[in-house]
C-alpha atoms as a PDB file:
ATOM      1  CA  MET A   1    -148.671 -55.124  17.928  1.00  0.00           C
ATOM      2  CA  THR A   2    -149.539 -55.228  21.552  1.00  0.00           C
ATOM      3  CA  SER A   3    -150.303 -52.304  24.261  1.00  0.00           C
ATOM      4  CA  VAL A   4    -149.174 -52.782  27.312  1.00  0.00           C
ATOM      5  CA  ALA A   5    -151.824 -51.697  29.852  1.00  0.00           C
ATOM      6  CA  PRO A   6    -150.809 -48.498  31.918  1.00  0.00           C
ATOM      7  CA  ALA A   7    -150.173 -49.064  35.813  1.00  0.00           C
ATOM      8  CA  PRO A   8    -152.408 -47.938  38.279  1.00  0.00           C
ATOM      9  CA  PRO A   9    -151.758 -45.579  40.102  1.00  0.00           C
ATOM     10  CA  THR A  10    -149.986 -45.681  43.194  1.00  0.00           C
ATOM     11  CA  ARG A  11    -151.228 -44.408  46.704  1.00  0.00           C
ATOM     12  CA  ALA A  12    -148.409 -41.796  48.118  1.00  0.00           C
ATOM     13  CA  PRO A  13    -146.995 -43.342  51.380  1.00  0.00           C
ATOM     14  CA  ARG A  14    -148.407 -41.208  54.255  1.00  0.00           C
ATOM     15  CA  SER A  15    -145.856 -39.170  56.089  1.00  0.00           C
ATOM     16  CA  PRO A  16    -144.874 -40.223  59.222  1.00  0.00           C
ATOM     17  CA  VAL A  17    -145.511 -37.850  62.233  1.00  0.00           C
ATOM     18  CA  SER A  18    -142.959 -34.987  62.559  1.00  0.00           C
ATOM     19  CA  TRP A  19    -139.857 -35.844  64.859  1.00  0.00           C
ATOM     20  CA  TRP A  20    -139.384 -32.165  65.003  1.00  0.00           C
ATOM     21  CA  THR A  21    -142.644 -31.505  66.538  1.00  0.00           C
ATOM     22  CA  VAL A  22    -142.334 -34.943  68.604  1.00  0.00           C
ATOM     23  CA  ALA A  23    -138.989 -33.298  70.608  1.00  0.00           C
ATOM     24  CA  VAL A  24    -140.628 -29.789  71.011  1.00  0.00           C
ATOM     25  CA  LEU A  25    -143.121 -30.999  72.613  1.00  0.00           C
ATOM     26  CA  ALA A  26    -141.807 -33.396  74.759  1.00  0.00           C
ATOM     27  CA  VAL A  27    -138.808 -31.340  75.410  1.00  0.00           C
ATOM     28  CA  LEU A  28    -141.232 -27.916  76.512  1.00  0.00           C
ATOM     29  CA  THR A  29    -143.939 -30.383  78.752  1.00  0.00           C
ATOM     30  CA  THR A  30    -141.337 -32.446  80.304  1.00  0.00           C
ATOM     31  CA  ALA A  31    -138.953 -28.628  81.167  1.00  0.00           C
ATOM     32  CA  ALA A  32    -142.220 -27.008  82.400  1.00  0.00           C
ATOM     33  CA  ASP A  33    -143.598 -29.988  84.315  1.00  0.00           C
ATOM     34  CA  GLY A  34    -140.379 -30.567  85.982  1.00  0.00           C
ATOM     35  CA  PHE A  35    -140.520 -27.070  87.421  1.00  0.00           C
ATOM     36  CA  TRP A  36    -143.893 -27.137  88.362  1.00  0.00           C
ATOM     37  CA  ALA A  37    -143.395 -31.056  90.420  1.00  0.00           C
ATOM     38  CA  THR A  38    -140.147 -29.393  91.445  1.00  0.00           C
ATOM     39  CA  SER A  39    -141.778 -26.346  93.685  1.00  0.00           C
ATOM     40  CA  LEU A  40    -144.426 -27.863  94.739  1.00  0.00           C
ATOM     41  CA  ARG A  41    -142.003 -31.203  96.466  1.00  0.00           C
ATOM     42  CA  GLY A  42    -140.111 -28.423  97.640  1.00  0.00           C
ATOM     43  CA  ALA A  43    -143.449 -26.823  99.373  1.00  0.00           C
ATOM     44  CA  VAL A  44    -144.642 -30.437 100.634  1.00  0.00           C
ATOM     45  CA  GLY A  45    -141.866 -33.034  99.815  1.00  0.00           C
ATOM     46  CA  SER A  46    -138.903 -34.125 102.146  1.00  0.00           C
ATOM     47  CA  ILE A  47    -136.245 -31.741 103.619  1.00  0.00           C
ATOM     48  CA  ASP A  48    -133.541 -33.831 101.181  1.00  0.00           C
ATOM     49  CA  ALA A  49    -135.605 -32.977  98.283  1.00  0.00           C
ATOM     50  CA  ALA A  50    -136.310 -29.592  99.066  1.00  0.00           C
ATOM     51  CA  GLY A  51    -132.447 -28.923  99.831  1.00  0.00           C
ATOM     52  CA  ARG A  52    -131.717 -29.425  96.444  1.00  0.00           C
ATOM     53  CA  PRO A  53    -134.307 -27.805  93.256  1.00  0.00           C
ATOM     54  CA  LEU A  54    -131.541 -27.771  90.755  1.00  0.00           C
ATOM     55  CA  GLU A  55    -130.760 -31.490  91.002  1.00  0.00           C
ATOM     56  CA  THR A  56    -134.127 -32.268  91.673  1.00  0.00           C
ATOM     57  CA  TRP A  57    -135.659 -30.650  88.519  1.00  0.00           C
ATOM     58  CA  VAL A  58    -132.185 -32.425  86.310  1.00  0.00           C
ATOM     59  CA  GLN A  59    -133.414 -35.629  87.556  1.00  0.00           C
ATOM     60  CA  TYR A  60    -137.089 -35.236  86.490  1.00  0.00           C
ATOM     61  CA  VAL A  61    -136.121 -34.445  83.314  1.00  0.00           C
ATOM     62  CA  VAL A  62    -133.406 -37.316  82.453  1.00  0.00           C
ATOM     63  CA  VAL A  63    -136.055 -39.618  83.741  1.00  0.00           C
ATOM     64  CA  MET A  64    -139.027 -38.284  82.577  1.00  0.00           C
ATOM     65  CA  LEU A  65    -138.330 -36.719  79.144  1.00  0.00           C
ATOM     66  CA  PRO A  66    -138.432 -40.545  77.406  1.00  0.00           C
ATOM     67  CA  LEU A  67    -141.993 -41.039  78.913  1.00  0.00           C
ATOM     68  CA  GLU A  68    -143.055 -37.668  77.683  1.00  0.00           C
ATOM     69  CA  VAL A  69    -141.521 -38.558  74.222  1.00  0.00           C
ATOM     70  CA  ALA A  70    -143.705 -41.678  74.131  1.00  0.00           C
ATOM     71  CA  ALA A  71    -146.781 -39.561  75.263  1.00  0.00           C
ATOM     72  CA  VAL A  72    -146.604 -37.207  72.422  1.00  0.00           C
ATOM     73  CA  ILE A  73    -145.765 -39.879  69.989  1.00  0.00           C
ATOM     74  CA  VAL A  74    -148.586 -42.061  71.170  1.00  0.00           C
ATOM     75  CA  ALA A  75    -151.270 -39.075  71.004  1.00  0.00           C
ATOM     76  CA  LEU A  76    -149.725 -37.854  67.637  1.00  0.00           C
ATOM     77  CA  ARG A  77    -150.288 -41.217  65.986  1.00  0.00           C
ATOM     78  CA  VAL A  78    -153.450 -41.597  67.661  1.00  0.00           C
ATOM     79  CA  THR A  79    -154.921 -38.459  66.208  1.00  0.00           C
ATOM     80  CA  ASP A  80    -153.307 -39.520  62.925  1.00  0.00           C
ATOM     81  CA  ARG A  81    -155.412 -42.780  63.023  1.00  0.00           C
ATOM     82  CA  LEU A  82    -158.456 -42.038  63.920  1.00  0.00           C
ATOM     83  CA  LEU A  83    -159.047 -38.501  62.740  1.00  0.00           C
ATOM     84  CA  GLY A  84    -156.591 -38.832  59.266  1.00  0.00           C
ATOM     85  CA  ARG A  85    -159.154 -37.733  57.132  1.00  0.00           C
ATOM     86  CA  ALA A  86    -161.077 -35.087  59.118  1.00  0.00           C
ATOM     87  CA  ARG A  87    -160.724 -31.105  58.827  1.00  0.00           C
ATOM     88  CA  GLY A  88    -157.852 -29.669  59.521  1.00  0.00           C
ATOM     89  CA  VAL A  89    -160.066 -27.950  62.713  1.00  0.00           C
ATOM     90  CA  ALA A  90    -160.984 -31.524  63.887  1.00  0.00           C
ATOM     91  CA  ARG A  91    -157.420 -33.060  63.913  1.00  0.00           C
ATOM     92  CA  PHE A  92    -155.897 -29.804  65.468  1.00  0.00           C
ATOM     93  CA  GLY A  93    -158.222 -29.908  68.455  1.00  0.00           C
ATOM     94  CA  GLY A  94    -157.649 -34.058  68.608  1.00  0.00           C
ATOM     95  CA  ALA A  95    -154.130 -33.577  68.784  1.00  0.00           C
ATOM     96  CA  VAL A  96    -154.184 -30.908  70.770  1.00  0.00           C
ATOM     97  CA  ALA A  97    -156.381 -32.843  73.349  1.00  0.00           C
ATOM     98  CA  LEU A  98    -154.579 -36.164  73.462  1.00  0.00           C
ATOM     99  CA  VAL A  99    -151.212 -34.787  73.484  1.00  0.00           C
ATOM    100  CA  VAL A 100    -152.406 -32.882  76.660  1.00  0.00           C
ATOM    101  CA  VAL A 101    -154.170 -35.145  78.411  1.00  0.00           C
ATOM    102  CA  LEU A 102    -151.382 -37.734  78.059  1.00  0.00           C
ATOM    103  CA  THR A 103    -148.489 -35.530  78.879  1.00  0.00           C
ATOM    104  CA  THR A 104    -150.152 -34.418  82.028  1.00  0.00           C
ATOM    105  CA  ALA A 105    -151.195 -37.596  83.257  1.00  0.00           C
ATOM    106  CA  VAL A 106    -147.406 -38.684  82.796  1.00  0.00           C
ATOM    107  CA  GLY A 107    -146.490 -35.453  84.722  1.00  0.00           C
ATOM    108  CA  VAL A 108    -149.186 -35.963  87.425  1.00  0.00           C
ATOM    109  CA  GLY A 109    -148.276 -39.724  87.777  1.00  0.00           C
ATOM    110  CA  ARG A 110    -144.607 -38.633  88.236  1.00  0.00           C
ATOM    111  CA  VAL A 111    -145.912 -36.114  91.104  1.00  0.00           C
ATOM    112  CA  ALA A 112    -147.453 -38.670  92.892  1.00  0.00           C
ATOM    113  CA  VAL A 113    -145.154 -40.936  93.264  1.00  0.00           C
ATOM    114  CA  ALA A 114    -142.537 -38.333  94.376  1.00  0.00           C
ATOM    115  CA  ALA A 115    -145.201 -37.661  96.738  1.00  0.00           C
ATOM    116  CA  ALA A 116    -145.438 -41.114  98.162  1.00  0.00           C
ATOM    117  CA  SER A 117    -141.734 -41.598  98.627  1.00  0.00           C
ATOM    118  CA  ASP A 118    -141.683 -37.937 100.434  1.00  0.00           C
ATOM    119  CA  TYR A 119    -144.845 -39.283 102.634  1.00  0.00           C
ATOM    120  CA  ARG A 120    -143.112 -42.438 103.731  1.00  0.00           C
ATOM    121  CA  THR A 121    -139.741 -40.572 104.179  1.00  0.00           C
ATOM    122  CA  GLN A 122    -141.507 -37.901 106.624  1.00  0.00           C
ATOM    123  CA  SER A 123    -144.026 -40.573 108.647  1.00  0.00           C
ATOM    124  CA  SER A 124    -140.654 -42.182 109.689  1.00  0.00           C
ATOM    125  CA  ARG A 125    -139.130 -38.905 111.015  1.00  0.00           C
ATOM    126  CA  LEU A 126    -142.493 -37.627 112.567  1.00  0.00           C
ATOM    127  CA  ALA A 127    -142.599 -41.047 113.972  1.00  0.00           C
ATOM    128  CA  ALA A 128    -139.884 -40.840 115.269  1.00  0.00           C
ATOM    129  CA  SER A 129    -139.485 -37.743 116.825  1.00  0.00           C
ATOM    130  CA  HIS A 130    -142.539 -38.474 118.621  1.00  0.00           C
ATOM    131  CA  GLN A 131    -140.732 -41.724 120.114  1.00  0.00           C
ATOM    132  CA  TYR A 132    -139.672 -40.230 123.513  1.00  0.00           C
ATOM    133  CA  HIS A 133    -143.034 -38.451 124.076  1.00  0.00           C
ATOM    134  CA  ASP A 134    -145.653 -40.542 124.020  1.00  0.00           C
ATOM    135  CA  HIS A 135    -145.868 -40.728 127.654  1.00  0.00           C
ATOM    136  CA  ARG A 136    -147.428 -37.247 127.027  1.00  0.00           C
ATOM    137  CA  HIS A 137    -150.693 -38.403 125.673  1.00  0.00           C
ATOM    138  CA  HIS A 138    -151.672 -41.306 127.744  1.00  0.00           C
ATOM    139  CA  THR A 139    -153.596 -38.918 130.047  1.00  0.00           C
ATOM    140  CA  ASN A 140    -154.890 -36.684 127.033  1.00  0.00           C
ATOM    141  CA  PRO A 141    -159.024 -37.676 127.027  1.00  0.00           C
ATOM    142  CA  ALA A 142    -158.774 -36.867 123.018  1.00  0.00           C
ATOM    143  CA  VAL A 143    -155.575 -39.335 122.729  1.00  0.00           C
ATOM    144  CA  ALA A 144    -157.621 -42.014 124.837  1.00  0.00           C
ATOM    145  CA  ALA A 145    -160.676 -41.376 122.936  1.00  0.00           C
ATOM    146  CA  THR A 146    -159.322 -41.112 119.305  1.00  0.00           C
ATOM    147  CA  GLY A 147    -155.920 -43.771 119.514  1.00  0.00           C
ATOM    148  CA  CYS A 148    -154.513 -41.141 117.132  1.00  0.00           C
ATOM    149  CA  ASN A 149    -151.138 -39.268 119.528  1.00  0.00           C
ATOM    150  CA  GLY A 150    -149.206 -36.469 118.389  1.00  0.00           C
ATOM    151  CA  ALA A 151    -147.407 -38.674 114.995  1.00  0.00           C
ATOM    152  CA  CYS A 152    -150.948 -39.366 114.041  1.00  0.00           C
ATOM    153  CA  VAL A 153    -151.637 -36.250 114.024  1.00  0.00           C
ATOM    154  CA  ALA A 154    -148.694 -35.007 112.192  1.00  0.00           C
ATOM    155  CA  LYS A 155    -148.898 -37.979 109.587  1.00  0.00           C
ATOM    156  CA  GLU A 156    -152.610 -36.764 108.727  1.00  0.00           C
ATOM    157  CA  GLN A 157    -152.072 -33.574 107.983  1.00  0.00           C
ATOM    158  CA  THR A 158    -148.653 -34.339 106.154  1.00  0.00           C
ATOM    159  CA  LEU A 159    -150.915 -36.972 104.139  1.00  0.00           C
ATOM    160  CA  ALA A 160    -153.423 -34.033 103.233  1.00  0.00           C
ATOM    161  CA  ALA A 161    -150.963 -31.538 102.460  1.00  0.00           C
ATOM    162  CA  HIS A 162    -149.769 -34.443  99.720  1.00  0.00           C
ATOM    163  CA  LYS A 163    -153.428 -34.835  98.220  1.00  0.00           C
ATOM    164  CA  ARG A 164    -153.715 -31.197  98.064  1.00  0.00           C
ATOM    165  CA  ALA A 165    -150.380 -30.896  96.088  1.00  0.00           C
ATOM    166  CA  ILE A 166    -151.044 -33.543  93.585  1.00  0.00           C
ATOM    167  CA  GLY A 167    -154.401 -31.783  93.149  1.00  0.00           C
ATOM    168  CA  ILE A 168    -152.871 -28.307  92.423  1.00  0.00           C
ATOM    169  CA  ALA A 169    -150.152 -30.341  90.034  1.00  0.00           C
ATOM    170  CA  ALA A 170    -153.032 -31.718  88.182  1.00  0.00           C
ATOM    171  CA  ALA A 171    -154.472 -28.264  87.777  1.00  0.00           C
ATOM    172  CA  VAL A 172    -151.263 -26.593  86.821  1.00  0.00           C
ATOM    173  CA  LEU A 173    -149.954 -29.063  84.708  1.00  0.00           C
ATOM    174  CA  LEU A 174    -152.855 -29.202  82.366  1.00  0.00           C
ATOM    175  CA  LEU A 175    -153.361 -25.253  82.244  1.00  0.00           C
ATOM    176  CA  THR A 176    -149.364 -25.789  81.398  1.00  0.00           C
ATOM    177  CA  ASN A 177    -149.056 -28.106  78.726  1.00  0.00           C
ATOM    178  CA  ALA A 178    -152.384 -27.009  76.947  1.00  0.00           C
ATOM    179  CA  THR A 179    -150.719 -23.481  76.490  1.00  0.00           C
ATOM    180  CA  LEU A 180    -147.265 -25.152  75.096  1.00  0.00           C
ATOM    181  CA  VAL A 181    -149.251 -28.110  72.691  1.00  0.00           C
ATOM    182  CA  LEU A 182    -151.596 -24.954  71.712  1.00  0.00           C
ATOM    183  CA  TRP A 183    -148.300 -22.873  70.958  1.00  0.00           C
ATOM    184  CA  VAL A 184    -146.269 -24.942  69.251  1.00  0.00           C
ATOM    185  CA  LEU A 185    -149.232 -26.621  67.016  1.00  0.00           C
ATOM    186  CA  ALA A 186    -150.155 -23.632  65.708  1.00  0.00           C
ATOM    187  CA  MET A 187    -146.685 -22.343  65.278  1.00  0.00           C
ATOM    188  CA  ARG A 188    -146.512 -25.856  62.915  1.00  0.00           C
ATOM    189  CA  GLY A 189    -149.708 -24.698  61.227  1.00  0.00           C
ATOM    190  CA  GLY A 190    -151.636 -27.490  63.063  1.00  0.00           C
ATOM    191  CA  ARG A 191    -149.639 -30.264  60.865  1.00  0.00           C
ATOM    192  CA  VAL A 192    -149.097 -33.458  63.054  1.00  0.00           C
ATOM    193  CA  ARG A 193    -147.129 -35.306  60.054  1.00  0.00           C
ATOM    194  CA  ALA A 194    -143.804 -34.350  58.423  1.00  0.00           C
ATOM    195  CA  ARG A 195    -143.917 -32.750  54.941  1.00  0.00           C
ATOM    196  CA  PRO A 196    -144.133 -35.170  52.359  1.00  0.00           C
ATOM    197  CA  PRO A 197    -141.711 -35.549  49.945  1.00  0.00           C
ATOM    198  CA  SER A 198    -141.939 -34.418  46.485  1.00  0.00           C
ATOM    199  CA  SER A 199    -142.842 -37.039  44.094  1.00  0.00           C
ATOM    200  CA  GLY A 200    -141.729 -37.231  40.231  1.00  0.00           C
ATOM    201  CA  ALA A 201    -143.689 -39.508  37.709  1.00  0.00           C
ATOM    202  CA  VAL A 202    -141.795 -42.687  37.274  1.00  0.00           C
ATOM    203  CA  ALA A 203    -141.770 -43.453  33.331  1.00  0.00           C
ATOM    204  CA  THR A 204    -141.893 -47.488  32.226  1.00  0.00           C
ATOM    205  CA  SER A 205    -140.523 -48.897  28.927  1.00  0.00           C
ATOM    206  CA  PRO A 206    -142.694 -51.319  27.363  1.00  0.00           C
END
């Protein structure tokens, strides 16, 4: 009579990242970041974008939502890989930090790209509006010493305004994303994975 050795216990598969959590985080951060980006662009951006705030916000959400989804997925997967065996508080803090940093970086990057585009448009318009007035500055000692006419000064001021706006955007988006991510993950009880399926014992016959 032969005996069959029992099969070694199989390790339960790791639960995937919760897609519900990914979707909620990505949608909320994209919508909120888009609101702040649109507001700042309306304050310092080109007149074309400032005159269509709703259209600008919708375009931001459509373009940035896939990138925000990718940022959230990367952050949660990295957290699961690096801190999967850590205690709840450490894992929760790591998830919050990574999601906030990556989503904020994506949002600030979009603000910087929009600022560069607006600055090019504004610079060309400033140059065109001052080209008929350059003769007035030939006798100005300050212009003769620095070589910077009215259009040059206006461009420098516009560039400084865009730099300040990017800095403000970084701070505001960081605070906003931190609040949203903390709230969503707290509502999830700090879990970043989907609930594992219930596993039942599988009977084998010799």
